[in-house]
Amino acid sequence: MNELINYTLHLADNSLILGHRNSEWTGHGPVLEQDIAISNIALDLIGQARNFYQYAALLINQSTNQPATEDTLAYLRDANEFKNCLLVELTNGDWAKTILRQLFFSAYQYFLYQQLQNSKDEAIAAIAEKSLKEVTYHLRWSSEWVIRLGDGTDESHARMMKAVDELWVYKDEMFEAAGYELTAASEGYGVDVTLLKNDWTKKIKAVFDEAMIPFPADEKTGVRWFGKEGKHSEHLGYILAELQFLQRAYPNSDW
């Protein structure tokens, strides 16, 4: 049961943190249409997080005497209890960096949710099926933007190349399984993420080719942290300080 809870929290945390990051663009997007688009993607991701948190809370309440809700899981856990990948907690940077991060993660989610639709856990399968429809749009939208910027002006191409340099080092964590992911895959309710990398690489390379972006050498990153196991960058602490402030300042608040 604990491994199922950890796996569900991992899926929720990824969506919540990236959703929060994307929400920081609301009111600051380059044009109104894209401001609305990135805000809607943020809402989609937070909606996915809510579904996974609600299921995790149900599992926790069935197995312990410490009541949990989606709010306690989002607002009352410390940074070392979060299980999101490092990629989603990185600062937004400019539009190019945000868009490329979205492409990397949406491509990962797309192939992950395709497989999770076949999960032996009916709740996870149902959430994945619903979320896949949203992620399909996220992937198309971010792909089009990477192509537009990569094959655009000298300035937009340079910014996209800088984003690749900054983000490429974080991609491998998505495909390195934590212990609870290994258990999830072996018991049939999760996915062997190591098997997703080939499809992800093909998709990213196809987008890069059209965007006139050289595909980087696939080398081990050497990133020191492993967010899936609670070892995060300093950025997550700042996110949680903002995200959790109201609930921690006024405990047991109702919305």
Protein backbone atom coordinates (compact mmCIF):
# COMPACT_ATOMS: atom_id res chain seq x y z
CA MET A 1 0.00 0.00 0.00
CA ASN A 2 2.80 2.45 0.87
CA GLU A 3 4.43 2.05 -2.52
CA LEU A 4 1.11 2.68 -4.28
CA ILE A 5 0.66 5.83 -2.18
CA ASN A 6 4.18 7.01 -3.01
CA TYR A 7 3.65 6.34 -6.69
CA THR A 8 0.37 8.26 -6.72
CA LEU A 9 1.96 11.16 -4.85
CA HIS A 10 4.79 11.23 -7.37
CA LEU A 11 2.32 11.60 -10.23
CA ALA A 12 0.43 14.30 -8.33
CA ASP A 13 3.52 16.25 -7.29
CA ASN A 14 4.85 16.45 -10.85
CA SER A 15 1.60 17.97 -12.08
CA LEU A 16 1.12 20.32 -9.13
CA ILE A 17 4.59 21.84 -9.23
CA LEU A 18 4.67 22.33 -12.99
CA GLY A 19 1.13 23.70 -12.86
CA HIS A 20 2.22 26.22 -10.24
CA ARG A 21 5.26 27.21 -12.29
CA ASN A 22 3.13 27.75 -15.40
CA SER A 23 0.63 29.80 -13.39
CA GLU A 24 3.40 32.32 -12.75
CA TRP A 25 3.04 33.37 -16.40
CA THR A 26 -0.59 34.43 -15.93
CA GLY A 27 -0.73 38.11 -16.84
CA HIS A 28 2.85 38.04 -18.14
CA GLY A 29 2.59 36.00 -21.36
CA PRO A 30 4.06 37.43 -24.57
CA VAL A 31 0.60 37.91 -26.13
CA LEU A 32 -2.90 37.56 -24.70
CA GLU A 33 -3.75 34.33 -26.55
CA GLN A 34 -0.63 32.55 -25.29
CA ASP A 35 -1.05 34.01 -21.80
CA ILE A 36 -4.45 32.29 -21.73
CA ALA A 37 -3.01 29.08 -23.23
CA ILE A 38 -0.25 28.67 -20.62
CA SER A 39 -2.75 29.51 -17.86
CA ASN A 40 -5.14 26.83 -19.13
CA ILE A 41 -2.30 24.30 -19.24
CA ALA A 42 -1.54 25.22 -15.62
CA LEU A 43 -5.18 24.56 -14.73
CA ASP A 44 -5.10 21.21 -16.54
CA LEU A 45 -2.02 20.14 -14.59
CA ILE A 46 -3.44 21.24 -11.25
CA GLY A 47 -6.62 19.35 -12.09
CA GLN A 48 -4.56 16.23 -12.71
CA ALA A 49 -2.78 16.79 -9.40
CA ARG A 50 -6.11 17.09 -7.58
CA ASN A 51 -7.31 13.76 -8.97
CA PHE A 52 -4.14 11.97 -7.92
CA TYR A 53 -4.09 13.66 -4.49
CA GLN A 54 -7.69 12.69 -3.86
CA TYR A 55 -6.87 9.08 -4.65
CA ALA A 56 -3.71 9.17 -2.51
CA ALA A 57 -5.74 10.59 0.39
CA LEU A 58 -8.26 7.78 0.03
CA LEU A 59 -5.46 5.20 0.17
CA ILE A 60 -3.86 6.89 3.19
CA ASN A 61 -7.16 7.04 5.06
CA GLN A 62 -7.72 3.34 4.44
CA SER A 63 -4.32 2.38 5.82
CA THR A 64 -3.57 4.82 8.66
CA ASN A 65 -5.28 6.72 11.46
CA GLN A 66 -3.99 10.07 10.23
CA PRO A 67 -6.71 11.62 8.05
CA ALA A 68 -5.48 13.07 4.77
CA THR A 69 -7.12 15.25 2.14
CA GLU A 70 -5.94 16.68 -1.15
CA ASP A 71 -5.28 19.94 0.71
CA THR A 72 -3.11 18.41 3.43
CA LEU A 73 -1.07 16.57 0.81
CA ALA A 74 -0.49 19.71 -1.25
CA TYR A 75 -0.12 22.27 1.52
CA LEU A 76 1.26 20.53 4.61
CA ARG A 77 4.12 18.38 3.36
CA ASP A 78 7.71 19.65 3.50
CA ALA A 79 10.01 19.81 0.49
CA ASN A 80 11.76 16.53 1.26
CA GLU A 81 8.39 14.75 1.17
CA PHE A 82 7.65 15.85 -2.39
CA LYS A 83 8.48 13.34 -5.11
CA ASN A 84 8.42 15.46 -8.28
CA CYS A 85 11.17 15.44 -10.87
CA LEU A 86 13.66 18.29 -10.69
CA LEU A 87 12.72 19.45 -14.18
CA VAL A 88 9.30 20.74 -13.16
CA GLU A 89 10.55 22.84 -10.25
CA LEU A 90 13.14 24.82 -12.22
CA THR A 91 12.60 28.56 -12.61
CA ASN A 92 10.65 29.68 -15.65
CA GLY A 93 13.39 31.81 -17.18
CA ASP A 94 12.28 33.31 -20.49
CA TRP A 95 9.47 32.07 -22.73
CA ALA A 96 11.82 29.74 -24.61
CA LYS A 97 12.90 27.94 -21.44
CA THR A 98 9.32 27.57 -20.21
CA ILE A 99 8.17 26.23 -23.58
CA LEU A 100 11.01 23.73 -23.86
CA ARG A 101 10.42 22.48 -20.31
CA GLN A 102 6.77 21.98 -21.22
CA LEU A 103 7.73 20.04 -24.35
CA PHE A 104 10.08 17.76 -22.42
CA PHE A 105 7.56 17.02 -19.70
CA SER A 106 4.48 16.81 -21.92
CA ALA A 107 6.20 14.28 -24.18
CA TYR A 108 7.06 12.24 -21.09
CA GLN A 109 3.51 12.47 -19.74
CA TYR A 110 2.05 11.58 -23.13
CA PHE A 111 3.85 8.24 -23.32
CA LEU A 112 3.43 7.61 -19.58
CA TYR A 113 -0.33 8.14 -19.60
CA GLN A 114 -0.72 6.04 -22.73
CA GLN A 115 0.67 3.12 -20.76
CA LEU A 116 -1.09 3.99 -17.49
CA GLN A 117 -4.46 3.64 -19.21
CA ASN A 118 -3.76 -0.09 -18.92
CA SER A 119 -2.95 0.07 -15.21
CA LYS A 120 -4.35 -2.70 -13.04
CA ASP A 121 -5.39 0.04 -10.65
CA GLU A 122 -8.73 1.30 -11.98
CA ALA A 123 -8.41 4.75 -10.40
CA ILE A 124 -4.97 5.40 -11.89
CA ALA A 125 -6.15 4.10 -15.27
CA ALA A 126 -9.17 6.41 -15.23
CA ILE A 127 -7.14 9.49 -14.29
CA ALA A 128 -4.57 8.68 -16.99
CA GLU A 129 -7.26 8.26 -19.65
CA LYS A 130 -8.82 11.63 -18.81
CA SER A 131 -5.47 13.40 -18.51
CA LEU A 132 -4.13 12.03 -21.79
CA LYS A 133 -6.62 14.15 -23.71
CA GLU A 134 -5.24 17.27 -22.06
CA VAL A 135 -1.61 16.23 -22.41
CA THR A 136 -2.07 15.57 -26.13
CA TYR A 137 -2.90 19.27 -26.53
CA HIS A 138 -0.02 20.33 -24.25
CA LEU A 139 2.40 18.35 -26.41
CA ARG A 140 1.11 19.77 -29.67
CA TRP A 141 1.12 23.33 -28.35
CA SER A 142 4.64 23.20 -26.91
CA SER A 143 5.97 21.43 -30.03
CA GLU A 144 4.62 24.19 -32.26
CA TRP A 145 6.19 26.87 -30.08
CA VAL A 146 9.61 25.18 -30.00
CA ILE A 147 9.53 24.96 -33.80
CA ARG A 148 8.42 28.58 -34.09
CA LEU A 149 11.21 29.84 -31.87
CA GLY A 150 13.93 27.46 -33.05
CA ASP A 151 13.30 28.18 -36.73
CA GLY A 152 12.49 31.85 -36.20
CA THR A 153 14.78 34.82 -35.79
CA ASP A 154 18.42 34.73 -34.75
CA GLU A 155 17.33 35.96 -31.32
CA SER A 156 14.61 33.33 -30.81
CA HIS A 157 16.93 30.56 -32.04
CA ALA A 158 19.67 31.67 -29.64
CA ARG A 159 17.22 31.70 -26.73
CA MET A 160 16.03 28.21 -27.59
CA MET A 161 19.59 26.92 -27.80
CA LYS A 162 20.28 28.45 -24.37
CA ALA A 163 17.18 26.70 -23.01
CA VAL A 164 18.42 23.35 -24.37
CA ASP A 165 21.78 23.89 -22.65
CA GLU A 166 20.05 24.61 -19.34
CA LEU A 167 17.40 21.88 -19.37
CA TRP A 168 18.96 18.92 -21.15
CA VAL A 169 20.87 17.88 -18.05
CA TYR A 170 17.59 17.27 -16.18
CA LYS A 171 15.83 15.00 -18.68
CA ASP A 172 17.30 11.66 -17.56
CA GLU A 173 15.66 11.70 -14.14
CA MET A 174 12.27 11.13 -15.76
CA PHE A 175 13.52 7.76 -17.05
CA GLU A 176 15.41 6.62 -13.95
CA ALA A 177 13.04 4.65 -11.75
CA ALA A 178 12.71 5.29 -8.04
CA GLY A 179 11.99 2.32 -5.80
CA TYR A 180 8.23 2.90 -5.76
CA GLU A 181 8.22 3.11 -9.56
CA LEU A 182 9.97 -0.24 -9.82
CA THR A 183 7.38 -1.76 -7.49
CA ALA A 184 4.53 -0.12 -9.42
CA ALA A 185 5.79 -1.53 -12.70
CA SER A 186 6.36 -5.02 -11.29
CA GLU A 187 2.88 -5.15 -9.76
CA GLY A 188 1.13 -3.87 -12.86
CA TYR A 189 -0.33 -0.60 -11.65
CA GLY A 190 2.57 1.52 -12.89
CA VAL A 191 4.91 1.84 -15.85
CA ASP A 192 8.55 0.94 -16.38
CA VAL A 193 9.73 4.47 -17.15
CA THR A 194 13.03 3.24 -18.53
CA LEU A 195 11.08 1.90 -21.51
CA LEU A 196 9.62 5.32 -22.32
CA LYS A 197 12.91 6.96 -23.20
CA ASN A 198 13.18 5.71 -26.79
CA ASP A 199 9.75 7.03 -27.77
CA TRP A 200 10.43 10.29 -25.94
CA THR A 201 13.76 10.71 -27.70
CA LYS A 202 12.22 10.09 -31.13
CA LYS A 203 9.52 12.69 -30.49
CA ILE A 204 11.93 15.34 -29.21
CA LYS A 205 14.36 14.71 -32.05
CA ALA A 206 11.57 15.10 -34.63
CA VAL A 207 10.61 18.45 -33.11
CA PHE A 208 14.25 19.58 -32.89
CA ASP A 209 14.86 18.63 -36.52
CA GLU A 210 11.93 20.77 -37.66
CA ALA A 211 13.02 23.57 -35.34
CA MET A 212 16.59 23.49 -36.72
CA ILE A 213 17.96 22.67 -33.26
CA PRO A 214 20.92 20.24 -33.12
CA PHE A 215 20.06 17.20 -31.05
CA PRO A 216 22.46 16.99 -28.06
CA ALA A 217 24.62 13.98 -27.35
CA ASP A 218 22.88 11.58 -24.96
CA GLU A 219 25.29 11.64 -22.05
CA LYS A 220 24.71 10.92 -18.39
CA THR A 221 23.93 14.15 -16.61
CA GLY A 222 25.66 13.94 -13.27
CA VAL A 223 22.86 15.94 -11.59
CA ARG A 224 23.45 15.64 -7.86
CA TRP A 225 19.83 15.49 -6.69
CA PHE A 226 17.06 13.03 -7.27
CA GLY A 227 13.74 14.76 -6.79
CA LYS A 228 11.76 11.54 -6.95
CA GLU A 229 13.34 10.59 -3.63
CA GLY A 230 12.94 13.99 -2.00
CA LYS A 231 16.36 15.44 -2.87
CA HIS A 232 15.42 18.74 -4.46
CA SER A 233 17.00 21.95 -5.66
CA GLU A 234 16.56 25.14 -3.68
CA HIS A 235 13.82 26.19 -6.10
CA LEU A 236 11.20 23.86 -4.59
CA GLY A 237 11.50 25.51 -1.19
CA TYR A 238 10.63 28.89 -2.68
CA ILE A 239 7.67 27.40 -4.57
CA LEU A 240 6.27 25.80 -1.42
CA ALA A 241 6.80 28.96 0.64
CA GLU A 242 4.44 30.74 -1.73
CA LEU A 243 2.08 27.85 -2.42
CA GLN A 244 1.61 26.82 1.21
CA PHE A 245 1.73 30.17 2.99
CA LEU A 246 -1.99 30.71 3.56
CA GLN A 247 -2.73 27.20 4.83
CA ARG A 248 0.25 27.22 7.17
CA ALA A 249 -0.46 30.75 8.43
CA TYR A 250 -4.15 29.98 9.01
CA PRO A 251 -4.35 26.25 9.75
CA ASN A 252 -7.49 24.31 8.82
CA SER A 253 -8.80 27.08 6.59
CA ASP A 254 -11.70 26.12 4.37
CA TRP A 255 -12.04 27.39 0.82
